[in-house]
């Protein structure tokens, strides 16, 4: 097994956080577009 150094591990964590944040953004954007919230963008 390859032992990841701290740099690689930190990069992986940042990538995971970025993907999750993007998914949440898309989810909220979809809710806004479908009219769940009565607000216009």
PDB file of N, CA and C in Angstrom:
ATOM      1  N   UNK A   1       0.831  -1.200   0.000  1.00  0.00           N
ATOM      2  CA  UNK A   1       0.000   0.000   0.000  1.00  0.00           C
ATOM      3  C   UNK A   1       0.873   1.261   0.000  1.00  0.00           C
ATOM      4  N   UNK A   2       0.455   2.233  -0.754  1.00  0.00           N
ATOM      5  CA  UNK A   2       1.217   3.485  -0.809  1.00  0.00           C
ATOM      6  C   UNK A   2       0.889   4.319   0.422  1.00  0.00           C
ATOM      7  N   UNK A   3       1.909   4.779   1.120  1.00  0.00           N
ATOM      8  CA  UNK A   3       1.668   5.636   2.282  1.00  0.00           C
ATOM      9  C   UNK A   3       1.584   7.082   1.811  1.00  0.00           C
ATOM     10  N   UNK A   4       0.396   7.694   1.929  1.00  0.00           N
ATOM     11  CA  UNK A   4       0.254   9.077   1.467  1.00  0.00           C
ATOM     12  C   UNK A   4       0.919  10.053   2.433  1.00  0.00           C
ATOM     13  N   UNK A   5       1.648  10.994   1.873  1.00  0.00           N
ATOM     14  CA  UNK A   5       2.258  12.009   2.723  1.00  0.00           C
ATOM     15  C   UNK A   5       1.190  13.039   3.103  1.00  0.00           C
ATOM     16  N   UNK A   6       1.551  13.937   4.005  1.00  0.00           N
ATOM     17  CA  UNK A   6       0.568  14.899   4.511  1.00  0.00           C
ATOM     18  C   UNK A   6       0.000  15.780   3.399  1.00  0.00           C
ATOM     19  N   UNK A   7       0.845  16.132   2.429  1.00  0.00           N
ATOM     20  CA  UNK A   7       0.395  16.998   1.340  1.00  0.00           C
ATOM     21  C   UNK A   7      -0.739  16.340   0.551  1.00  0.00           C
ATOM     22  N   UNK A   8      -0.534  15.070   0.209  1.00  0.00           N
ATOM     23  CA  UNK A   8      -1.545  14.365  -0.579  1.00  0.00           C
ATOM     24  C   UNK A   8      -2.832  14.208   0.212  1.00  0.00           C
ATOM     25  N   UNK A   9      -2.712  13.838   1.488  1.00  0.00           N
ATOM     26  CA  UNK A   9      -3.895  13.643   2.324  1.00  0.00           C
ATOM     27  C   UNK A   9      -4.675  14.941   2.446  1.00  0.00           C
ATOM     28  N   UNK A  10      -3.972  16.055   2.660  1.00  0.00           N
ATOM     29  CA  UNK A  10      -4.642  17.346   2.791  1.00  0.00           C
ATOM     30  C   UNK A  10      -5.345  17.713   1.491  1.00  0.00           C
ATOM     31  N   UNK A  11      -4.696  17.427   0.363  1.00  0.00           N
ATOM     32  CA  UNK A  11      -5.299  17.728  -0.925  1.00  0.00           C
ATOM     33  C   UNK A  11      -6.565  16.907  -1.129  1.00  0.00           C
ATOM     34  N   UNK A  12      -6.529  15.636  -0.708  1.00  0.00           N
ATOM     35  CA  UNK A  12      -7.704  14.783  -0.840  1.00  0.00           C
ATOM     36  C   UNK A  12      -8.854  15.304   0.002  1.00  0.00           C
ATOM     37  N   UNK A  13      -8.560  15.742   1.218  1.00  0.00           N
ATOM     38  CA  UNK A  13      -9.603  16.272   2.102  1.00  0.00           C
ATOM     39  C   UNK A  13     -10.203  17.540   1.503  1.00  0.00           C
ATOM     40  N   UNK A  14      -9.342  18.416   0.985  1.00  0.00           N
ATOM     41  CA  UNK A  14      -9.834  19.652   0.369  1.00  0.00           C
ATOM     42  C   UNK A  14     -10.705  19.337  -0.839  1.00  0.00           C
ATOM     43  N   UNK A  15     -10.295  18.349  -1.640  1.00  0.00           N
ATOM     44  CA  UNK A  15     -11.079  17.967  -2.810  1.00  0.00           C
ATOM     45  C   UNK A  15     -12.443  17.442  -2.394  1.00  0.00           C
ATOM     46  N   UNK A  16     -12.464  16.607  -1.355  1.00  0.00           N
ATOM     47  CA  UNK A  16     -13.731  16.059  -0.868  1.00  0.00           C
ATOM     48  C   UNK A  16     -14.656  17.176  -0.380  1.00  0.00           C
ATOM     49  N   UNK A  17     -14.097  18.119   0.374  1.00  0.00           N
ATOM     50  CA  UNK A  17     -14.894  19.243   0.875  1.00  0.00           C
ATOM     51  C   UNK A  17     -15.446  20.063  -0.287  1.00  0.00           C
ATOM     52  N   UNK A  18     -14.618  20.281  -1.294  1.00  0.00           N
ATOM     53  CA  UNK A  18     -15.047  21.072  -2.454  1.00  0.00           C
ATOM     54  C   UNK A  18     -16.193  20.372  -3.183  1.00  0.00           C
ATOM     55  N   UNK A  19     -16.087  19.059  -3.354  1.00  0.00           N
ATOM     56  CA  UNK A  19     -17.135  18.303  -4.054  1.00  0.00           C
ATOM     57  C   UNK A  19     -18.439  18.345  -3.264  1.00  0.00           C
ATOM     58  N   UNK A  20     -18.342  18.152  -1.946  1.00  0.00           N
ATOM     59  CA  UNK A  20     -19.541  18.174  -1.099  1.00  0.00           C
ATOM     60  C   UNK A  20     -20.193  19.555  -1.136  1.00  0.00           C
ATOM     61  N   UNK A  21     -19.378  20.608  -1.045  1.00  0.00           N
ATOM     62  CA  UNK A  21     -19.907  21.974  -1.080  1.00  0.00           C
ATOM     63  C   UNK A  21     -20.599  22.234  -2.417  1.00  0.00           C
ATOM     64  N   UNK A  22     -20.015  21.730  -3.507  1.00  0.00           N
ATOM     65  CA  UNK A  22     -20.594  21.920  -4.836  1.00  0.00           C
ATOM     66  C   UNK A  22     -21.929  21.193  -4.944  1.00  0.00           C
ATOM     67  N   UNK A  23     -22.005  19.973  -4.374  1.00  0.00           N
ATOM     68  CA  UNK A  23     -23.248  19.210  -4.393  1.00  0.00           C
ATOM     69  C   UNK A  23     -24.343  19.933  -3.615  1.00  0.00           C
ATOM     70  N   UNK A  24     -23.989  20.499  -2.455  1.00  0.00           N
ATOM     71  CA  UNK A  24     -24.960  21.244  -1.650  1.00  0.00           C
ATOM     72  C   UNK A  24     -25.441  22.471  -2.422  1.00  0.00           C
ATOM     73  N   UNK A  25     -24.501  23.148  -3.096  1.00  0.00           N
ATOM     74  CA  UNK A  25     -24.851  24.325  -3.896  1.00  0.00           C
ATOM     75  C   UNK A  25     -25.834  23.951  -5.004  1.00  0.00           C
ATOM     76  N   UNK A  26     -25.555  22.841  -5.707  1.00  0.00           N
ATOM     77  CA  UNK A  26     -26.443  22.401  -6.779  1.00  0.00           C
ATOM     78  C   UNK A  26     -27.816  22.030  -6.224  1.00  0.00           C
ATOM     79  N   UNK A  27     -27.835  21.368  -5.059  1.00  0.00           N
ATOM     80  CA  UNK A  27     -29.094  20.964  -4.437  1.00  0.00           C
ATOM     81  C   UNK A  27     -29.946  22.189  -4.100  1.00  0.00           C
ATOM     82  N   UNK A  28     -29.333  23.184  -3.460  1.00  0.00           N
ATOM     83  CA  UNK A  28     -30.060  24.402  -3.098  1.00  0.00           C
ATOM     84  C   UNK A  28     -30.523  25.146  -4.346  1.00  0.00           C
ATOM     85  N   UNK A  29     -29.653  25.193  -5.364  1.00  0.00           N
ATOM     86  CA  UNK A  29     -29.984  25.878  -6.607  1.00  0.00           C
ATOM     87  C   UNK A  29     -31.190  25.218  -7.265  1.00  0.00           C
ATOM     88  N   UNK A  30     -31.238  23.872  -7.236  1.00  0.00           N
ATOM     89  CA  UNK A  30     -32.371  23.139  -7.800  1.00  0.00           C
ATOM     90  C   UNK A  30     -33.641  23.449  -7.028  1.00  0.00           C
ATOM     91  N   UNK A  31     -33.537  23.493  -5.687  1.00  0.00           N
ATOM     92  CA  UNK A  31     -34.713  23.805  -4.869  1.00  0.00           C
ATOM     93  C   UNK A  31     -35.230  25.207  -5.198  1.00  0.00           C
ATOM     94  N   UNK A  32     -34.313  26.146  -5.352  1.00  0.00           N
ATOM     95  CA  UNK A  32     -34.735  27.507  -5.706  1.00  0.00           C
ATOM     96  C   UNK A  32     -35.434  27.515  -7.055  1.00  0.00           C
ATOM     97  N   UNK A  33     -34.881  26.800  -8.019  1.00  0.00           N
ATOM     98  CA  UNK A  33     -35.427  26.795  -9.373  1.00  0.00           C
ATOM     99  C   UNK A  33     -36.787  26.121  -9.434  1.00  0.00           C
ATOM    100  N   UNK A  34     -37.010  25.069  -8.626  1.00  0.00           N
ATOM    101  CA  UNK A  34     -38.281  24.365  -8.667  1.00  0.00           C
ATOM    102  C   UNK A  34     -39.352  25.093  -7.893  1.00  0.00           C
ATOM    103  N   UNK A  35     -38.986  26.185  -7.209  1.00  0.00           N
ATOM    104  CA  UNK A  35     -39.975  27.007  -6.532  1.00  0.00           C
ATOM    105  C   UNK A  35     -40.346  26.502  -5.158  1.00  0.00           C
ATOM    106  N   UNK A  36     -39.471  25.750  -4.505  1.00  0.00           N
ATOM    107  CA  UNK A  36     -39.747  25.319  -3.141  1.00  0.00           C
ATOM    108  C   UNK A  36     -39.741  26.538  -2.225  1.00  0.00           C
ATOM    109  N   UNK A  37     -38.779  27.422  -2.464  1.00  0.00           N
ATOM    110  CA  UNK A  37     -38.735  28.676  -1.724  1.00  0.00           C
ATOM    111  C   UNK A  37     -39.330  29.763  -2.594  1.00  0.00           C
ATOM    112  N   UNK A  38     -40.119  30.641  -1.999  1.00  0.00           N
ATOM    113  CA  UNK A  38     -40.731  31.715  -2.787  1.00  0.00           C
ATOM    114  C   UNK A  38     -39.776  32.889  -2.888  1.00  0.00           C
ATOM    115  N   UNK A  39     -38.664  32.650  -3.548  1.00  0.00           N
ATOM    116  CA  UNK A  39     -37.694  33.723  -3.774  1.00  0.00           C
ATOM    117  C   UNK A  39     -37.163  33.615  -5.182  1.00  0.00           C
ATOM    118  N   UNK A  40     -36.886  34.715  -5.806  1.00  0.00           N
ATOM    119  CA  UNK A  40     -36.269  34.674  -7.114  1.00  0.00           C
ATOM    120  C   UNK A  40     -34.778  34.909  -6.967  1.00  0.00           C
ATOM    121  N   UNK A  41     -34.021  34.246  -7.808  1.00  0.00           N
ATOM    122  CA  UNK A  41     -32.559  34.383  -7.735  1.00  0.00           C
ATOM    123  C   UNK A  41     -32.162  35.729  -8.336  1.00  0.00           C
TER     124      UNK A  41
END
